[in-house]
Amino acid sequence: MKKAVVLLSGGLDSATTLAYAVSKGYECYALSFDYGQRHKFEIKAARKVARMLGAERHEVVRIDLSRFGGSALTSDIPVPKGRPHKKIGQGIPVTYVPARNTVFLSLALAWAETLGAFDIFIGVNALDYSGYPDCRPEFIRAFQRTADLATKAGAEGGRFKVHTPLIKMSKADIIRLGRRLGVDYSITHSCYDPAPDGTPCGRCDSCLLREKGFREAEVP
C-alpha cells in the first residue's frame, strides 16, 4: 500500500477527503493541528474521524498561530454571523488565518518525506467555500512545485502529488460522496464559534455552508 499524509481538521470536507484516500487504497497518516483556534473542539472531532475511518496513525501538532493574531479564528476579532449566502465567498473574510494552509502543507510535506510518501491529501474546495486564497487551485499547483524543489526526495527525482479531490465539488456533492464512502457526519465539527461544549452556533459562514450542503443533498 502506498502511504499518504491526509490533513484532517475534523470537519465535513477533511473527513470526506480521508474517506476518499482510504477508498483509493492508501495507508493514511492523518495530521491535525492545534494552532490556537477558538474552535478547538474540532480536534476532538478529528480524533473520532481518524479512528472511524481507520487511519494508520493520527498526529495532532501544536503550533500557536494565535501568537500572531490577524484572524477571527485566532484572536478576539468577532466571527461574522448571519451573512447572506451570496456574500459568502466574496472577498476574503476575517476568518482567514494568514498562511494557514501553507504552514499546514509544509508540515504535511515534512512528515510525508520522513514516511517515504509522495502523496498528500487536503480537503480544499473552491466552490462552496469562504473565499480563502489558500484554497485555490493555483495555490495548490504552486505548492506542489515547491515541494519538489524544497525536499531531498524531490531533488533525487521523486515527485510529490497534492491531491484535492473535492476542489471542484459543491458541499452537496461532497456530502453525497461521503455518504457513499460511509462517513458518519454526526461526529464531524465545522463551526467557527462553538459553545464551550462544542454546540455549533448555526450562524457563522461555516455553519451556513454546512447547512446549505445537507439541505441541497437532501440529507438530514
N, C-alpha and C. Protein backbone atom coordinates (compact mmCIF):
# COMPACT_ATOMS: atom_id res chain seq x y z
N MET A 1 0.83 -1.20 0.00
CA MET A 1 0.00 0.00 0.00
C MET A 1 0.87 1.25 0.00
N LYS A 2 0.48 2.22 -0.83
CA LYS A 2 1.18 3.50 -0.82
C LYS A 2 0.75 4.30 0.41
N LYS A 3 1.69 5.02 0.99
CA LYS A 3 1.39 5.86 2.14
C LYS A 3 0.98 7.25 1.68
N ALA A 4 0.11 7.87 2.46
CA ALA A 4 -0.31 9.24 2.19
C ALA A 4 -0.53 9.98 3.49
N VAL A 5 -0.18 11.26 3.51
CA VAL A 5 -0.49 12.13 4.64
C VAL A 5 -1.77 12.87 4.29
N VAL A 6 -2.74 12.84 5.19
CA VAL A 6 -4.03 13.48 4.96
C VAL A 6 -4.25 14.54 6.03
N LEU A 7 -4.43 15.79 5.61
CA LEU A 7 -4.74 16.85 6.56
C LEU A 7 -6.17 16.68 7.05
N LEU A 8 -6.34 16.65 8.36
CA LEU A 8 -7.63 16.33 8.96
C LEU A 8 -7.99 17.35 10.02
N SER A 9 -8.96 18.19 9.72
CA SER A 9 -9.40 19.19 10.70
C SER A 9 -10.49 18.67 11.61
N GLY A 10 -11.21 17.65 11.16
CA GLY A 10 -12.36 17.17 11.90
C GLY A 10 -13.66 17.66 11.32
N GLY A 11 -13.57 18.45 10.26
CA GLY A 11 -14.76 18.98 9.60
C GLY A 11 -15.27 18.08 8.50
N LEU A 12 -16.31 18.56 7.86
CA LEU A 12 -17.00 17.80 6.81
C LEU A 12 -16.07 17.48 5.64
N ASP A 13 -15.37 18.48 5.14
CA ASP A 13 -14.53 18.30 3.95
C ASP A 13 -13.35 17.37 4.22
N SER A 14 -12.66 17.58 5.33
CA SER A 14 -11.47 16.77 5.59
C SER A 14 -11.83 15.33 5.91
N ALA A 15 -12.97 15.10 6.56
CA ALA A 15 -13.42 13.74 6.83
C ALA A 15 -13.71 13.01 5.52
N THR A 16 -14.35 13.70 4.59
CA THR A 16 -14.64 13.11 3.28
C THR A 16 -13.35 12.82 2.53
N THR A 17 -12.38 13.72 2.66
CA THR A 17 -11.10 13.53 1.98
C THR A 17 -10.36 12.31 2.52
N LEU A 18 -10.37 12.13 3.83
CA LEU A 18 -9.74 10.95 4.42
C LEU A 18 -10.44 9.68 3.94
N ALA A 19 -11.76 9.69 3.94
CA ALA A 19 -12.51 8.52 3.47
C ALA A 19 -12.18 8.22 2.01
N TYR A 20 -12.04 9.26 1.22
CA TYR A 20 -11.70 9.09 -0.21
C TYR A 20 -10.32 8.46 -0.36
N ALA A 21 -9.33 8.98 0.38
CA ALA A 21 -7.97 8.44 0.29
C ALA A 21 -7.94 6.97 0.71
N VAL A 22 -8.66 6.64 1.78
CA VAL A 22 -8.73 5.24 2.23
C VAL A 22 -9.35 4.38 1.14
N SER A 23 -10.41 4.88 0.49
CA SER A 23 -11.10 4.11 -0.55
C SER A 23 -10.22 3.86 -1.76
N LYS A 24 -9.21 4.70 -1.96
CA LYS A 24 -8.29 4.54 -3.08
C LYS A 24 -7.10 3.63 -2.73
N GLY A 25 -7.14 3.06 -1.53
CA GLY A 25 -6.13 2.08 -1.16
C GLY A 25 -4.89 2.63 -0.50
N TYR A 26 -4.92 3.89 -0.08
CA TYR A 26 -3.75 4.47 0.59
C TYR A 26 -3.73 4.07 2.07
N GLU A 27 -2.53 3.89 2.58
CA GLU A 27 -2.32 3.77 4.02
C GLU A 27 -2.20 5.19 4.55
N CYS A 28 -3.20 5.62 5.30
CA CYS A 28 -3.34 7.05 5.60
C CYS A 28 -2.79 7.45 6.96
N TYR A 29 -2.02 8.51 6.95
CA TYR A 29 -1.45 9.11 8.16
C TYR A 29 -2.12 10.49 8.30
N ALA A 30 -3.02 10.58 9.27
CA ALA A 30 -3.81 11.80 9.45
C ALA A 30 -3.04 12.82 10.28
N LEU A 31 -3.13 14.09 9.87
CA LEU A 31 -2.39 15.16 10.54
C LEU A 31 -3.34 16.31 10.86
N SER A 32 -3.45 16.62 12.15
CA SER A 32 -4.29 17.71 12.62
C SER A 32 -3.45 18.72 13.37
N PHE A 33 -4.01 19.92 13.58
CA PHE A 33 -3.25 20.99 14.22
C PHE A 33 -4.05 21.68 15.31
N ASP A 34 -3.41 21.83 16.44
CA ASP A 34 -3.90 22.71 17.50
C ASP A 34 -3.11 24.00 17.32
N TYR A 35 -3.73 24.96 16.63
CA TYR A 35 -2.98 26.16 16.24
C TYR A 35 -3.47 27.42 16.96
N GLY A 36 -4.15 27.22 18.08
CA GLY A 36 -4.66 28.36 18.83
C GLY A 36 -6.02 28.81 18.36
N GLN A 37 -6.72 27.95 17.63
CA GLN A 37 -8.03 28.31 17.10
C GLN A 37 -9.09 28.34 18.20
N ARG A 38 -10.04 29.23 18.05
CA ARG A 38 -11.11 29.32 19.05
C ARG A 38 -12.04 28.11 18.96
N HIS A 39 -12.10 27.46 17.80
CA HIS A 39 -12.95 26.28 17.64
C HIS A 39 -12.13 25.01 17.84
N LYS A 40 -11.44 24.96 18.99
CA LYS A 40 -10.55 23.84 19.32
C LYS A 40 -11.31 22.52 19.43
N PHE A 41 -12.62 22.59 19.56
CA PHE A 41 -13.43 21.38 19.65
C PHE A 41 -13.24 20.49 18.43
N GLU A 42 -12.82 21.10 17.29
CA GLU A 42 -12.64 20.31 16.07
C GLU A 42 -11.55 19.24 16.24
N ILE A 43 -10.62 19.44 17.16
CA ILE A 43 -9.56 18.45 17.36
C ILE A 43 -10.14 17.15 17.90
N LYS A 44 -11.11 17.26 18.83
CA LYS A 44 -11.78 16.06 19.34
C LYS A 44 -12.50 15.34 18.21
N ALA A 45 -13.13 16.12 17.33
CA ALA A 45 -13.82 15.53 16.20
C ALA A 45 -12.83 14.82 15.28
N ALA A 46 -11.66 15.43 15.07
CA ALA A 46 -10.65 14.83 14.20
C ALA A 46 -10.20 13.47 14.73
N ARG A 47 -10.03 13.37 16.05
CA ARG A 47 -9.63 12.10 16.64
C ARG A 47 -10.68 11.02 16.38
N LYS A 48 -11.95 11.40 16.51
CA LYS A 48 -13.02 10.44 16.26
C LYS A 48 -13.06 10.01 14.80
N VAL A 49 -12.88 10.98 13.91
CA VAL A 49 -12.91 10.69 12.47
C VAL A 49 -11.75 9.76 12.09
N ALA A 50 -10.56 10.05 12.61
CA ALA A 50 -9.39 9.22 12.29
C ALA A 50 -9.61 7.77 12.72
N ARG A 51 -10.20 7.60 13.91
CA ARG A 51 -10.49 6.24 14.39
C ARG A 51 -11.56 5.58 13.53
N MET A 52 -12.61 6.31 13.23
CA MET A 52 -13.73 5.76 12.48
C MET A 52 -13.30 5.29 11.09
N LEU A 53 -12.43 6.05 10.46
CA LEU A 53 -12.07 5.75 9.08
C LEU A 53 -10.80 4.91 8.96
N GLY A 54 -10.21 4.55 10.09
CA GLY A 54 -9.10 3.61 10.06
C GLY A 54 -7.77 4.19 9.65
N ALA A 55 -7.48 5.42 10.06
CA ALA A 55 -6.15 5.99 9.77
C ALA A 55 -5.08 5.13 10.44
N GLU A 56 -3.98 4.92 9.76
CA GLU A 56 -2.88 4.13 10.31
C GLU A 56 -2.31 4.81 11.55
N ARG A 57 -2.27 6.12 11.51
CA ARG A 57 -1.72 6.90 12.62
C ARG A 57 -2.32 8.30 12.55
N HIS A 58 -2.49 8.92 13.70
CA HIS A 58 -3.03 10.28 13.74
C HIS A 58 -2.18 11.13 14.67
N GLU A 59 -1.64 12.19 14.12
CA GLU A 59 -0.83 13.12 14.91
C GLU A 59 -1.54 14.46 15.03
N VAL A 60 -1.54 15.03 16.24
CA VAL A 60 -2.03 16.38 16.46
C VAL A 60 -0.82 17.24 16.85
N VAL A 61 -0.48 18.17 16.01
CA VAL A 61 0.71 19.00 16.20
C VAL A 61 0.30 20.38 16.69
N ARG A 62 0.97 20.88 17.71
CA ARG A 62 0.65 22.21 18.25
C ARG A 62 1.57 23.25 17.64
N ILE A 63 0.97 24.26 17.01
CA ILE A 63 1.68 25.45 16.52
C ILE A 63 0.78 26.64 16.83
N ASP A 64 1.22 27.55 17.64
CA ASP A 64 0.33 28.58 18.17
C ASP A 64 0.29 29.81 17.26
N LEU A 65 -0.58 29.76 16.25
CA LEU A 65 -0.74 30.90 15.35
C LEU A 65 -1.47 32.06 16.02
N SER A 66 -2.06 31.82 17.19
CA SER A 66 -2.71 32.92 17.90
C SER A 66 -1.68 33.94 18.39
N ARG A 67 -0.41 33.56 18.44
CA ARG A 67 0.65 34.50 18.82
C ARG A 67 0.71 35.66 17.83
N PHE A 68 0.34 35.38 16.58
CA PHE A 68 0.37 36.41 15.54
C PHE A 68 -0.97 37.14 15.41
N GLY A 69 -2.07 36.45 15.73
CA GLY A 69 -3.39 37.06 15.58
C GLY A 69 -3.74 37.24 14.11
N GLY A 70 -4.50 38.30 13.84
CA GLY A 70 -4.83 38.64 12.46
C GLY A 70 -6.00 37.89 11.89
N SER A 71 -6.70 37.10 12.72
CA SER A 71 -7.85 36.33 12.24
C SER A 71 -8.89 36.21 13.34
N ALA A 72 -10.15 36.15 12.93
CA ALA A 72 -11.22 35.95 13.90
C ALA A 72 -11.17 34.56 14.53
N LEU A 73 -10.42 33.65 13.91
CA LEU A 73 -10.32 32.30 14.47
C LEU A 73 -9.21 32.17 15.51
N THR A 74 -8.30 33.15 15.55
CA THR A 74 -7.16 33.04 16.46
C THR A 74 -6.98 34.27 17.35
N SER A 75 -7.95 35.18 17.34
CA SER A 75 -7.84 36.38 18.17
C SER A 75 -9.24 36.80 18.61
N ASP A 76 -9.35 38.01 19.17
CA ASP A 76 -10.63 38.48 19.71
C ASP A 76 -11.52 39.16 18.67
N ILE A 77 -11.16 39.08 17.41
CA ILE A 77 -12.00 39.64 16.34
C ILE A 77 -13.30 38.84 16.27
N PRO A 78 -14.46 39.49 16.24
CA PRO A 78 -15.73 38.75 16.20
C PRO A 78 -15.86 37.92 14.92
N VAL A 79 -16.40 36.72 15.06
CA VAL A 79 -16.69 35.88 13.91
C VAL A 79 -17.97 36.39 13.25
N PRO A 80 -17.96 36.66 11.94
CA PRO A 80 -19.19 37.13 11.26
C PRO A 80 -20.32 36.10 11.40
N LYS A 81 -21.51 36.58 11.60
CA LYS A 81 -22.68 35.72 11.77
C LYS A 81 -23.81 36.18 10.85
N GLY A 82 -24.54 35.22 10.33
CA GLY A 82 -25.75 35.51 9.57
C GLY A 82 -25.54 36.17 8.23
N ARG A 83 -24.39 35.97 7.62
CA ARG A 83 -24.16 36.59 6.31
C ARG A 83 -25.00 35.89 5.24
N PRO A 84 -25.57 36.63 4.29
CA PRO A 84 -26.31 36.00 3.19
C PRO A 84 -25.38 35.10 2.38
N HIS A 85 -25.92 34.01 1.84
CA HIS A 85 -25.10 33.07 1.08
C HIS A 85 -24.39 33.75 -0.09
N LYS A 86 -25.05 34.73 -0.70
CA LYS A 86 -24.44 35.37 -1.87
C LYS A 86 -23.21 36.19 -1.51
N LYS A 87 -23.06 36.54 -0.21
CA LYS A 87 -21.89 37.30 0.22
C LYS A 87 -20.74 36.41 0.70
N ILE A 88 -21.07 35.16 1.05
CA ILE A 88 -20.03 34.23 1.48
C ILE A 88 -19.21 33.83 0.26
N GLY A 89 -17.91 33.98 0.32
CA GLY A 89 -17.06 33.68 -0.82
C GLY A 89 -16.69 34.92 -1.61
N GLN A 90 -17.32 36.07 -1.31
CA GLN A 90 -16.96 37.32 -1.96
C GLN A 90 -15.97 38.06 -1.07
N GLY A 91 -14.76 38.23 -1.55
CA GLY A 91 -13.73 38.86 -0.74
C GLY A 91 -13.14 37.88 0.24
N ILE A 92 -12.18 38.33 1.01
CA ILE A 92 -11.50 37.48 1.98
C ILE A 92 -12.00 37.85 3.38
N PRO A 93 -12.68 36.95 4.06
CA PRO A 93 -13.29 37.27 5.35
C PRO A 93 -12.28 37.32 6.48
N VAL A 94 -12.71 37.84 7.63
CA VAL A 94 -11.81 37.97 8.78
C VAL A 94 -11.50 36.63 9.42
N THR A 95 -12.18 35.56 8.98
CA THR A 95 -11.87 34.22 9.49
C THR A 95 -10.67 33.60 8.75
N TYR A 96 -10.17 34.27 7.74
CA TYR A 96 -8.95 33.80 7.07
C TYR A 96 -7.78 33.86 8.06
N VAL A 97 -7.06 32.75 8.20
CA VAL A 97 -5.88 32.69 9.06
C VAL A 97 -4.65 32.83 8.17
N PRO A 98 -3.85 33.90 8.35
CA PRO A 98 -2.72 34.15 7.45
C PRO A 98 -1.82 32.94 7.25
N ALA A 99 -1.70 32.53 5.99
CA ALA A 99 -0.77 31.48 5.54
C ALA A 99 -1.06 30.11 6.15
N ARG A 100 -2.26 29.89 6.67
CA ARG A 100 -2.55 28.64 7.38
C ARG A 100 -2.30 27.40 6.53
N ASN A 101 -2.86 27.34 5.33
CA ASN A 101 -2.67 26.14 4.53
C ASN A 101 -1.23 25.97 4.05
N THR A 102 -0.52 27.08 3.90
CA THR A 102 0.90 26.99 3.55
C THR A 102 1.68 26.32 4.69
N VAL A 103 1.38 26.74 5.91
CA VAL A 103 2.03 26.14 7.09
C VAL A 103 1.64 24.67 7.22
N PHE A 104 0.35 24.38 7.10
CA PHE A 104 -0.12 23.00 7.27
C PHE A 104 0.47 22.08 6.20
N LEU A 105 0.46 22.52 4.96
CA LEU A 105 1.00 21.68 3.89
C LEU A 105 2.51 21.49 4.04
N SER A 106 3.19 22.50 4.55
CA SER A 106 4.64 22.37 4.75
C SER A 106 4.94 21.29 5.77
N LEU A 107 4.18 21.25 6.86
CA LEU A 107 4.40 20.22 7.87
C LEU A 107 3.94 18.85 7.38
N ALA A 108 2.88 18.82 6.58
CA ALA A 108 2.47 17.55 5.97
C ALA A 108 3.56 17.04 5.04
N LEU A 109 4.19 17.94 4.32
CA LEU A 109 5.29 17.57 3.42
C LEU A 109 6.47 17.00 4.21
N ALA A 110 6.78 17.62 5.34
CA ALA A 110 7.88 17.13 6.17
C ALA A 110 7.60 15.71 6.67
N TRP A 111 6.38 15.46 7.09
CA TRP A 111 6.03 14.12 7.57
C TRP A 111 6.04 13.12 6.42
N ALA A 112 5.50 13.55 5.27
CA ALA A 112 5.47 12.66 4.11
C ALA A 112 6.88 12.24 3.71
N GLU A 113 7.81 13.18 3.74
CA GLU A 113 9.18 12.84 3.33
C GLU A 113 9.80 11.83 4.30
N THR A 114 9.54 11.98 5.58
CA THR A 114 10.11 11.02 6.55
C THR A 114 9.45 9.65 6.43
N LEU A 115 8.19 9.63 5.96
CA LEU A 115 7.48 8.36 5.79
C LEU A 115 7.82 7.67 4.47
N GLY A 116 8.49 8.40 3.59
CA GLY A 116 8.71 7.86 2.25
C GLY A 116 7.46 7.92 1.40
N ALA A 117 6.58 8.87 1.72
CA ALA A 117 5.32 9.05 0.99
C ALA A 117 5.44 10.23 0.03
N PHE A 118 4.76 10.12 -1.10
CA PHE A 118 4.78 11.21 -2.07
C PHE A 118 3.38 11.76 -2.33
N ASP A 119 2.42 11.33 -1.52
CA ASP A 119 1.03 11.76 -1.71
C ASP A 119 0.53 12.49 -0.46
N ILE A 120 -0.04 13.66 -0.68
CA ILE A 120 -0.63 14.47 0.39
C ILE A 120 -2.05 14.81 -0.03
N PHE A 121 -2.99 14.63 0.88
CA PHE A 121 -4.40 14.94 0.59
C PHE A 121 -4.85 16.12 1.44
N ILE A 122 -5.58 17.03 0.82
CA ILE A 122 -6.13 18.18 1.54
C ILE A 122 -7.53 18.46 1.00
N GLY A 123 -8.46 18.76 1.89
CA GLY A 123 -9.86 18.91 1.51
C GLY A 123 -10.27 20.31 1.12
N VAL A 124 -9.42 21.03 0.40
CA VAL A 124 -9.79 22.38 -0.03
C VAL A 124 -10.90 22.30 -1.07
N ASN A 125 -11.67 23.38 -1.13
CA ASN A 125 -12.82 23.45 -2.01
C ASN A 125 -12.94 24.87 -2.55
N ALA A 126 -13.15 25.00 -3.86
CA ALA A 126 -13.20 26.33 -4.48
C ALA A 126 -14.59 26.71 -4.96
N LEU A 127 -15.62 25.96 -4.55
CA LEU A 127 -16.99 26.32 -4.93
C LEU A 127 -17.74 26.85 -3.72
N ASP A 128 -18.25 25.96 -2.84
CA ASP A 128 -18.92 26.40 -1.62
C ASP A 128 -17.88 26.58 -0.53
N TYR A 129 -17.21 27.74 -0.53
CA TYR A 129 -16.16 27.98 0.45
C TYR A 129 -16.20 29.44 0.87
N SER A 130 -15.32 29.81 1.80
CA SER A 130 -15.40 31.14 2.42
C SER A 130 -14.51 32.20 1.78
N GLY A 131 -13.94 31.92 0.63
CA GLY A 131 -13.15 32.94 -0.07
C GLY A 131 -11.69 32.97 0.31
N TYR A 132 -11.16 31.89 0.87
CA TYR A 132 -9.76 31.88 1.29
C TYR A 132 -8.82 31.70 0.09
N PRO A 133 -7.79 32.53 -0.03
CA PRO A 133 -6.88 32.42 -1.18
C PRO A 133 -6.08 31.12 -1.20
N ASP A 134 -5.85 30.51 -0.02
CA ASP A 134 -5.06 29.28 0.02
C ASP A 134 -5.91 28.03 -0.17
N CYS A 135 -7.10 28.21 -0.75
CA CYS A 135 -7.92 27.07 -1.17
C CYS A 135 -8.03 27.00 -2.69
N ARG A 136 -7.35 27.90 -3.39
CA ARG A 136 -7.47 27.97 -4.85
C ARG A 136 -6.55 26.96 -5.55
N PRO A 137 -6.97 26.47 -6.70
CA PRO A 137 -6.15 25.50 -7.46
C PRO A 137 -4.76 26.02 -7.78
N GLU A 138 -4.63 27.32 -8.08
CA GLU A 138 -3.31 27.86 -8.43
C GLU A 138 -2.35 27.82 -7.25
N PHE A 139 -2.88 27.96 -6.03
CA PHE A 139 -2.02 27.83 -4.86
C PHE A 139 -1.53 26.39 -4.71
N ILE A 140 -2.43 25.44 -4.89
CA ILE A 140 -2.06 24.03 -4.76
C ILE A 140 -0.99 23.67 -5.79
N ARG A 141 -1.15 24.12 -7.01
CA ARG A 141 -0.15 23.84 -8.05
C ARG A 141 1.20 24.44 -7.68
N ALA A 142 1.19 25.65 -7.15
CA ALA A 142 2.44 26.32 -6.76
C ALA A 142 3.11 25.58 -5.61
N PHE A 143 2.32 25.12 -4.64
CA PHE A 143 2.91 24.39 -3.51
C PHE A 143 3.50 23.06 -3.97
N GLN A 144 2.81 22.39 -4.87
CA GLN A 144 3.32 21.10 -5.35
C GLN A 144 4.68 21.28 -6.02
N ARG A 145 4.84 22.34 -6.79
CA ARG A 145 6.13 22.64 -7.41
C ARG A 145 7.18 22.93 -6.34
N THR A 146 6.80 23.69 -5.32
CA THR A 146 7.71 23.98 -4.22
C THR A 146 8.15 22.71 -3.51
N ALA A 147 7.21 21.79 -3.31
CA ALA A 147 7.52 20.52 -2.63
C ALA A 147 8.62 19.76 -3.37
N ASP A 148 8.55 19.74 -4.68
CA ASP A 148 9.58 19.03 -5.46
C ASP A 148 10.93 19.73 -5.38
N LEU A 149 10.91 21.06 -5.27
CA LEU A 149 12.16 21.83 -5.24
C LEU A 149 12.79 21.87 -3.86
N ALA A 150 11.99 21.78 -2.82
CA ALA A 150 12.47 22.06 -1.47
C ALA A 150 12.87 20.84 -0.66
N THR A 151 12.73 19.64 -1.23
CA THR A 151 12.96 18.43 -0.44
C THR A 151 14.10 17.58 -1.03
N LYS A 152 14.72 16.81 -0.16
CA LYS A 152 15.73 15.85 -0.60
C LYS A 152 15.11 14.83 -1.56
N ALA A 153 13.90 14.36 -1.21
CA ALA A 153 13.23 13.38 -2.06
C ALA A 153 12.97 13.95 -3.45
N GLY A 154 12.55 15.23 -3.49
CA GLY A 154 12.31 15.86 -4.78
C GLY A 154 13.58 16.06 -5.57
N ALA A 155 14.65 16.46 -4.89
CA ALA A 155 15.94 16.69 -5.56
C ALA A 155 16.50 15.40 -6.14
N GLU A 156 16.12 14.27 -5.54
CA GLU A 156 16.61 12.97 -6.01
C GLU A 156 15.68 12.32 -7.02
N GLY A 157 14.71 13.09 -7.51
CA GLY A 157 13.87 12.60 -8.59
C GLY A 157 12.46 12.22 -8.21
N GLY A 158 12.13 12.27 -6.93
CA GLY A 158 10.76 11.96 -6.51
C GLY A 158 9.83 13.10 -6.87
N ARG A 159 8.57 12.80 -7.06
CA ARG A 159 7.59 13.83 -7.39
C ARG A 159 6.40 13.73 -6.44
N PHE A 160 6.17 14.82 -5.72
CA PHE A 160 5.06 14.86 -4.78
C PHE A 160 3.76 15.22 -5.51
N LYS A 161 2.68 14.69 -5.00
CA LYS A 161 1.36 14.99 -5.54
C LYS A 161 0.46 15.46 -4.41
N VAL A 162 -0.06 16.68 -4.54
CA VAL A 162 -1.02 17.20 -3.57
C VAL A 162 -2.41 16.94 -4.15
N HIS A 163 -3.13 16.02 -3.54
CA HIS A 163 -4.44 15.62 -4.04
C HIS A 163 -5.52 16.53 -3.45
N THR A 164 -6.39 17.03 -4.30
CA THR A 164 -7.51 17.88 -3.86
C THR A 164 -8.80 17.33 -4.46
N PRO A 165 -9.26 16.18 -3.99
CA PRO A 165 -10.40 15.51 -4.64
C PRO A 165 -11.71 16.29 -4.58
N LEU A 166 -11.81 17.27 -3.68
CA LEU A 166 -13.08 17.99 -3.51
C LEU A 166 -13.08 19.36 -4.15
N ILE A 167 -12.00 19.75 -4.79
CA ILE A 167 -11.80 21.16 -5.11
C ILE A 167 -12.86 21.73 -6.05
N LYS A 168 -13.46 20.89 -6.89
CA LYS A 168 -14.47 21.38 -7.84
C LYS A 168 -15.87 20.91 -7.49
N MET A 169 -16.04 20.45 -6.26
CA MET A 169 -17.33 19.91 -5.84
C MET A 169 -18.09 20.90 -4.97
N SER A 170 -19.42 20.88 -5.07
CA SER A 170 -20.26 21.65 -4.15
C SER A 170 -20.32 20.92 -2.83
N LYS A 171 -20.77 21.60 -1.78
CA LYS A 171 -20.93 20.95 -0.48
C LYS A 171 -21.90 19.77 -0.58
N ALA A 172 -22.96 19.95 -1.36
CA ALA A 172 -23.93 18.86 -1.51
C ALA A 172 -23.28 17.64 -2.15
N ASP A 173 -22.46 17.85 -3.17
CA ASP A 173 -21.78 16.73 -3.82
C ASP A 173 -20.78 16.06 -2.88
N ILE A 174 -20.11 16.87 -2.06
CA ILE A 174 -19.16 16.31 -1.08
C ILE A 174 -19.90 15.42 -0.10
N ILE A 175 -21.04 15.87 0.37
CA ILE A 175 -21.83 15.08 1.33
C ILE A 175 -22.32 13.79 0.69
N ARG A 176 -22.77 13.86 -0.55
CA ARG A 176 -23.22 12.64 -1.24
C ARG A 176 -22.06 11.65 -1.38
N LEU A 177 -20.87 12.16 -1.72
CA LEU A 177 -19.69 11.30 -1.83
C LEU A 177 -19.37 10.66 -0.49
N GLY A 178 -19.37 11.47 0.56
CA GLY A 178 -19.06 10.96 1.89
C GLY A 178 -20.04 9.90 2.35
N ARG A 179 -21.29 10.10 2.04
CA ARG A 179 -22.30 9.09 2.41
C ARG A 179 -22.01 7.77 1.72
N ARG A 180 -21.62 7.84 0.43
CA ARG A 180 -21.30 6.60 -0.29
C ARG A 180 -20.08 5.91 0.30
N LEU A 181 -19.18 6.71 0.89
CA LEU A 181 -17.95 6.17 1.46
C LEU A 181 -18.10 5.80 2.93
N GLY A 182 -19.28 5.99 3.48
CA GLY A 182 -19.55 5.58 4.85
C GLY A 182 -19.16 6.57 5.93
N VAL A 183 -19.03 7.85 5.59
CA VAL A 183 -18.68 8.86 6.60
C VAL A 183 -19.87 9.14 7.50
N ASP A 184 -19.64 9.11 8.80
CA ASP A 184 -20.65 9.48 9.78
C ASP A 184 -20.46 10.96 10.09
N TYR A 185 -21.23 11.80 9.44
CA TYR A 185 -21.04 13.24 9.61
C TYR A 185 -21.46 13.76 10.97
N SER A 186 -22.17 12.92 11.75
CA SER A 186 -22.60 13.38 13.07
C SER A 186 -21.42 13.57 14.03
N ILE A 187 -20.27 12.98 13.71
CA ILE A 187 -19.11 13.16 14.60
C ILE A 187 -18.16 14.24 14.09
N THR A 188 -18.49 14.86 12.95
CA THR A 188 -17.64 15.94 12.43
C THR A 188 -18.05 17.27 13.04
N HIS A 189 -17.17 18.24 12.92
CA HIS A 189 -17.41 19.56 13.51
C HIS A 189 -16.94 20.64 12.55
N SER A 190 -17.81 21.61 12.26
CA SER A 190 -17.47 22.64 11.29
C SER A 190 -17.53 24.07 11.83
N CYS A 191 -18.19 24.28 12.96
CA CYS A 191 -18.47 25.64 13.45
C CYS A 191 -17.21 26.42 13.81
N TYR A 192 -17.18 27.69 13.41
CA TYR A 192 -16.06 28.58 13.73
C TYR A 192 -16.15 29.16 15.15
N ASP A 193 -17.33 29.17 15.74
CA ASP A 193 -17.51 29.84 17.03
C ASP A 193 -18.45 29.03 17.92
N PRO A 194 -18.08 27.79 18.27
CA PRO A 194 -18.98 26.95 19.05
C PRO A 194 -19.04 27.35 20.51
N ALA A 195 -20.07 26.85 21.19
CA ALA A 195 -20.17 26.99 22.64
C ALA A 195 -19.08 26.12 23.29
N PRO A 196 -18.77 26.35 24.56
CA PRO A 196 -17.72 25.56 25.23
C PRO A 196 -17.93 24.05 25.15
N ASP A 197 -19.18 23.61 25.03
CA ASP A 197 -19.43 22.17 24.94
C ASP A 197 -19.42 21.66 23.50
N GLY A 198 -19.08 22.56 22.56
CA GLY A 198 -18.99 22.16 21.17
C GLY A 198 -20.25 22.38 20.35
N THR A 199 -21.31 22.84 20.99
CA THR A 199 -22.55 23.09 20.25
C THR A 199 -22.32 24.17 19.20
N PRO A 200 -22.62 23.90 17.93
CA PRO A 200 -22.37 24.88 16.87
C PRO A 200 -23.28 26.10 16.98
N CYS A 201 -22.77 27.24 16.53
CA CYS A 201 -23.55 28.48 16.62
C CYS A 201 -24.69 28.50 15.62
N GLY A 202 -24.49 27.83 14.47
CA GLY A 202 -25.53 27.76 13.45
C GLY A 202 -25.61 28.99 12.57
N ARG A 203 -24.74 30.00 12.79
CA ARG A 203 -24.87 31.26 12.06
C ARG A 203 -23.58 31.73 11.41
N CYS A 204 -22.43 31.13 11.74
CA CYS A 204 -21.19 31.54 11.09
C CYS A 204 -21.17 31.02 9.65
N ASP A 205 -20.22 31.51 8.84
CA ASP A 205 -20.16 31.10 7.44
C ASP A 205 -20.07 29.58 7.30
N SER A 206 -19.24 28.95 8.14
CA SER A 206 -19.04 27.52 8.03
C SER A 206 -20.32 26.74 8.36
N CYS A 207 -21.03 27.16 9.40
CA CYS A 207 -22.29 26.52 9.74
C CYS A 207 -23.32 26.69 8.62
N LEU A 208 -23.37 27.89 8.04
CA LEU A 208 -24.35 28.15 6.99
C LEU A 208 -24.05 27.34 5.73
N LEU A 209 -22.76 27.23 5.37
CA LEU A 209 -22.39 26.43 4.21
C LEU A 209 -22.68 24.95 4.45
N ARG A 210 -22.43 24.50 5.66
CA ARG A 210 -22.72 23.10 6.01
C ARG A 210 -24.22 22.83 5.90
N GLU A 211 -25.02 23.71 6.49
CA GLU A 211 -26.48 23.53 6.44
C GLU A 211 -26.98 23.54 5.00
N LYS A 212 -26.46 24.44 4.20
CA LYS A 212 -26.85 24.52 2.78
C LYS A 212 -26.51 23.22 2.05
N GLY A 213 -25.34 22.67 2.34
CA GLY A 213 -24.93 21.43 1.69
C GLY A 213 -25.84 20.28 2.01
N PHE A 214 -26.17 20.10 3.29
CA PHE A 214 -27.06 19.00 3.68
C PHE A 214 -28.46 19.19 3.11
N ARG A 215 -28.91 20.45 3.09
CA ARG A 215 -30.25 20.70 2.53
C ARG A 215 -30.30 20.37 1.04
N GLU A 216 -29.28 20.81 0.29
CA GLU A 216 -29.27 20.57 -1.14
C GLU A 216 -29.03 19.09 -1.47
N ALA A 217 -28.30 18.40 -0.58
CA ALA A 217 -28.08 16.95 -0.78
C ALA A 217 -29.28 16.13 -0.32
N GLU A 218 -30.25 16.79 0.32
CA GLU A 218 -31.43 16.14 0.87
C GLU A 218 -31.05 15.04 1.86
N VAL A 219 -30.08 15.39 2.71
CA VAL A 219 -29.62 14.51 3.76
C VAL A 219 -29.88 15.19 5.11
N PRO A 220 -30.48 14.49 6.07
CA PRO A 220 -30.76 15.13 7.37
C PRO A 220 -29.47 15.54 8.07
